């Protein structure tokens, strides 16, 4: 093609600048390169998902009741909990836990104090094993 005036690039100015290829970089991504941009990344245009406002989110420290049950002997050895008879007296606020979740098995009799919040599943597992809960909500409610 060297003998030809355009050397295979159409017109005389062909293959000189970015106009021959439709622009540099991301040029034309909303126009003539739109389909190519969507094929490369379907989520390129627009906003995706939902992000909650950070001021509405609470960063709670949570722990499963099964983890507390497994760690009961270590907590007694570390002087975080005490043991009276066969029951373990654990102050959950010393562990830095805000909420207790109900996953795991409870094989020991746990007497939990300083509990800020607990799920119904965790509450039923503790009481089924013979343990007790000291909840601030129950103390503030008037007896009916």
Protein backbone atom coordinates (compact mmCIF):
# COMPACT_ATOMS: atom_id res chain seq x y z
CA UNK A 1 0.00 0.00 0.00
CA UNK A 2 3.03 2.30 0.04
CA UNK A 3 2.53 3.36 -3.53
CA UNK A 4 -0.97 4.70 -2.88
CA UNK A 5 -1.67 8.25 -1.73
CA UNK A 6 -3.67 7.25 1.40
CA UNK A 7 -1.67 4.04 2.05
CA UNK A 8 -4.83 2.10 2.95
CA UNK A 9 -6.25 4.52 5.53
CA UNK A 10 -9.07 5.97 3.45
CA UNK A 11 -8.31 9.61 2.86
CA UNK A 12 -5.13 11.66 2.88
CA UNK A 13 -5.35 12.65 6.55
CA UNK A 14 -6.13 9.09 7.66
CA UNK A 15 -4.11 7.45 10.47
CA UNK A 16 -2.73 10.77 11.69
CA UNK A 17 -4.74 11.69 14.79
CA UNK A 18 -7.28 10.31 17.22
CA UNK A 19 -10.16 11.31 14.97
CA UNK A 20 -9.51 8.24 12.86
CA UNK A 21 -10.30 5.96 15.82
CA UNK A 22 -13.23 7.98 17.23
CA UNK A 23 -11.37 9.95 19.89
CA UNK A 24 -8.80 9.38 22.62
CA UNK A 25 -9.47 7.44 25.79
CA UNK A 26 -13.10 7.42 26.91
CA UNK A 27 -14.25 9.86 24.20
CA UNK A 28 -17.62 8.94 22.73
CA UNK A 29 -18.60 6.58 25.54
CA UNK A 30 -22.02 8.25 25.69
CA UNK A 31 -22.22 8.49 21.91
CA UNK A 32 -20.57 6.37 19.24
CA UNK A 33 -18.69 4.03 21.66
CA UNK A 34 -21.71 3.42 23.90
CA UNK A 35 -22.23 -0.25 22.97
CA UNK A 36 -18.55 -1.04 23.41
CA UNK A 37 -18.55 0.56 26.87
CA UNK A 38 -21.59 -1.49 27.91
CA UNK A 39 -19.99 -4.69 26.64
CA UNK A 40 -16.79 -4.01 28.57
CA UNK A 41 -18.53 -3.04 31.82
CA UNK A 42 -22.36 -3.25 32.04
CA UNK A 43 -22.38 -1.21 35.27
CA UNK A 44 -20.29 1.65 33.91
CA UNK A 45 -23.18 4.12 33.61
CA UNK A 46 -25.50 5.07 36.45
CA UNK A 47 -25.51 4.35 40.15
CA UNK A 48 -25.88 0.82 41.50
CA UNK A 49 -27.05 -0.35 44.87
CA UNK A 50 -27.97 1.58 47.95
CA UNK A 51 -25.73 2.91 50.69
CA UNK A 52 -27.36 3.78 53.95
CA UNK A 53 -26.43 7.07 55.60
CA UNK A 54 -23.54 6.39 57.96
CA UNK A 55 -25.05 8.44 60.78
CA UNK A 56 -27.96 5.97 60.93
CA UNK A 57 -25.73 2.92 61.35
CA UNK A 58 -24.79 1.60 64.75
CA UNK A 59 -21.58 -0.34 65.08
CA UNK A 60 -22.66 -2.92 67.62
CA UNK A 61 -20.25 -5.45 69.01
CA UNK A 62 -22.04 -8.80 68.74
CA UNK A 63 -21.22 -12.31 69.93
CA UNK A 64 -22.98 -15.64 69.59
CA UNK A 65 -24.17 -17.42 72.72
CA UNK A 66 -22.33 -20.55 71.59
CA UNK A 67 -19.02 -18.64 71.61
CA UNK A 68 -19.67 -17.43 75.15
CA UNK A 69 -20.48 -21.00 76.20
CA UNK A 70 -17.27 -22.35 74.63
CA UNK A 71 -15.15 -19.60 76.20
CA UNK A 72 -16.64 -19.92 79.69
CA UNK A 73 -13.69 -21.87 81.15
CA UNK A 74 -11.17 -19.47 79.62
CA UNK A 75 -13.11 -16.49 81.00
CA UNK A 76 -12.96 -17.98 84.49
CA UNK A 77 -9.20 -18.60 84.10
CA UNK A 78 -8.75 -14.98 82.93
CA UNK A 79 -10.72 -13.58 85.92
CA UNK A 80 -13.39 -12.11 83.64
CA UNK A 81 -16.04 -14.52 84.95
CA UNK A 82 -16.60 -16.43 88.17
CA UNK A 83 -17.89 -19.89 88.84
CA UNK A 84 -20.25 -20.80 91.69
CA UNK A 85 -21.03 -24.50 91.82
CA UNK A 86 -21.78 -25.57 88.26
CA UNK A 87 -22.95 -22.18 87.04
CA UNK A 88 -20.82 -19.56 85.32
CA UNK A 89 -21.38 -15.91 86.27
CA UNK A 90 -20.33 -13.82 83.28
CA UNK A 91 -20.47 -10.03 83.07
CA UNK A 92 -20.99 -9.47 79.34
CA UNK A 93 -20.25 -5.73 79.58
CA UNK A 94 -16.64 -6.57 80.55
CA UNK A 95 -16.34 -8.47 77.28
CA UNK A 96 -17.41 -5.36 75.36
CA UNK A 97 -20.42 -7.09 73.82
CA UNK A 98 -23.49 -5.00 72.98
CA UNK A 99 -25.76 -7.74 71.60
CA UNK A 100 -25.87 -11.52 72.06
CA UNK A 101 -26.99 -13.61 69.09
CA UNK A 102 -28.50 -17.08 69.23
CA UNK A 103 -26.13 -19.21 67.15
CA UNK A 104 -24.40 -22.18 68.78
CA UNK A 105 -25.14 -24.65 71.56
CA UNK A 106 -25.39 -23.90 75.27
CA UNK A 107 -24.19 -26.82 77.39
CA UNK A 108 -23.33 -24.90 80.56
CA UNK A 109 -25.47 -23.06 83.06
CA UNK A 110 -24.76 -19.39 82.29
CA UNK A 111 -25.78 -16.50 84.53
CA UNK A 112 -25.32 -13.44 82.31
CA UNK A 113 -25.21 -9.91 83.71
CA UNK A 114 -24.65 -6.58 81.97
CA UNK A 115 -26.57 -7.70 78.89
CA UNK A 116 -27.69 -4.72 76.80
CA UNK A 117 -29.56 -6.67 74.11
CA UNK A 118 -30.20 -10.34 73.35
CA UNK A 119 -32.13 -12.20 70.66
CA UNK A 120 -35.06 -14.42 71.54
CA UNK A 121 -33.19 -17.53 70.35
CA UNK A 122 -30.24 -16.82 72.63
CA UNK A 123 -32.57 -16.07 75.53
CA UNK A 124 -34.42 -19.37 75.14
CA UNK A 125 -31.14 -21.34 74.90
CA UNK A 126 -29.79 -19.80 78.11
CA UNK A 127 -33.00 -20.41 80.06
CA UNK A 128 -33.33 -23.96 78.66
CA UNK A 129 -29.87 -24.78 80.01
CA UNK A 130 -30.89 -23.49 83.44
CA UNK A 131 -29.17 -20.11 83.26
CA UNK A 132 -30.44 -16.63 84.07
CA UNK A 133 -30.32 -13.22 82.40
CA UNK A 134 -30.05 -9.81 83.99
CA UNK A 135 -31.61 -7.40 81.50
CA UNK A 136 -32.02 -3.67 82.19
CA UNK A 137 -35.30 -3.52 80.19
CA UNK A 138 -36.98 -6.00 82.56
CA UNK A 139 -35.98 -3.98 85.63
CA UNK A 140 -37.34 -0.68 84.27
CA UNK A 141 -40.72 -2.14 83.25
CA UNK A 142 -43.45 -1.82 85.88
CA UNK A 143 -44.90 -5.08 87.18
CA UNK A 144 -48.35 -5.82 85.90
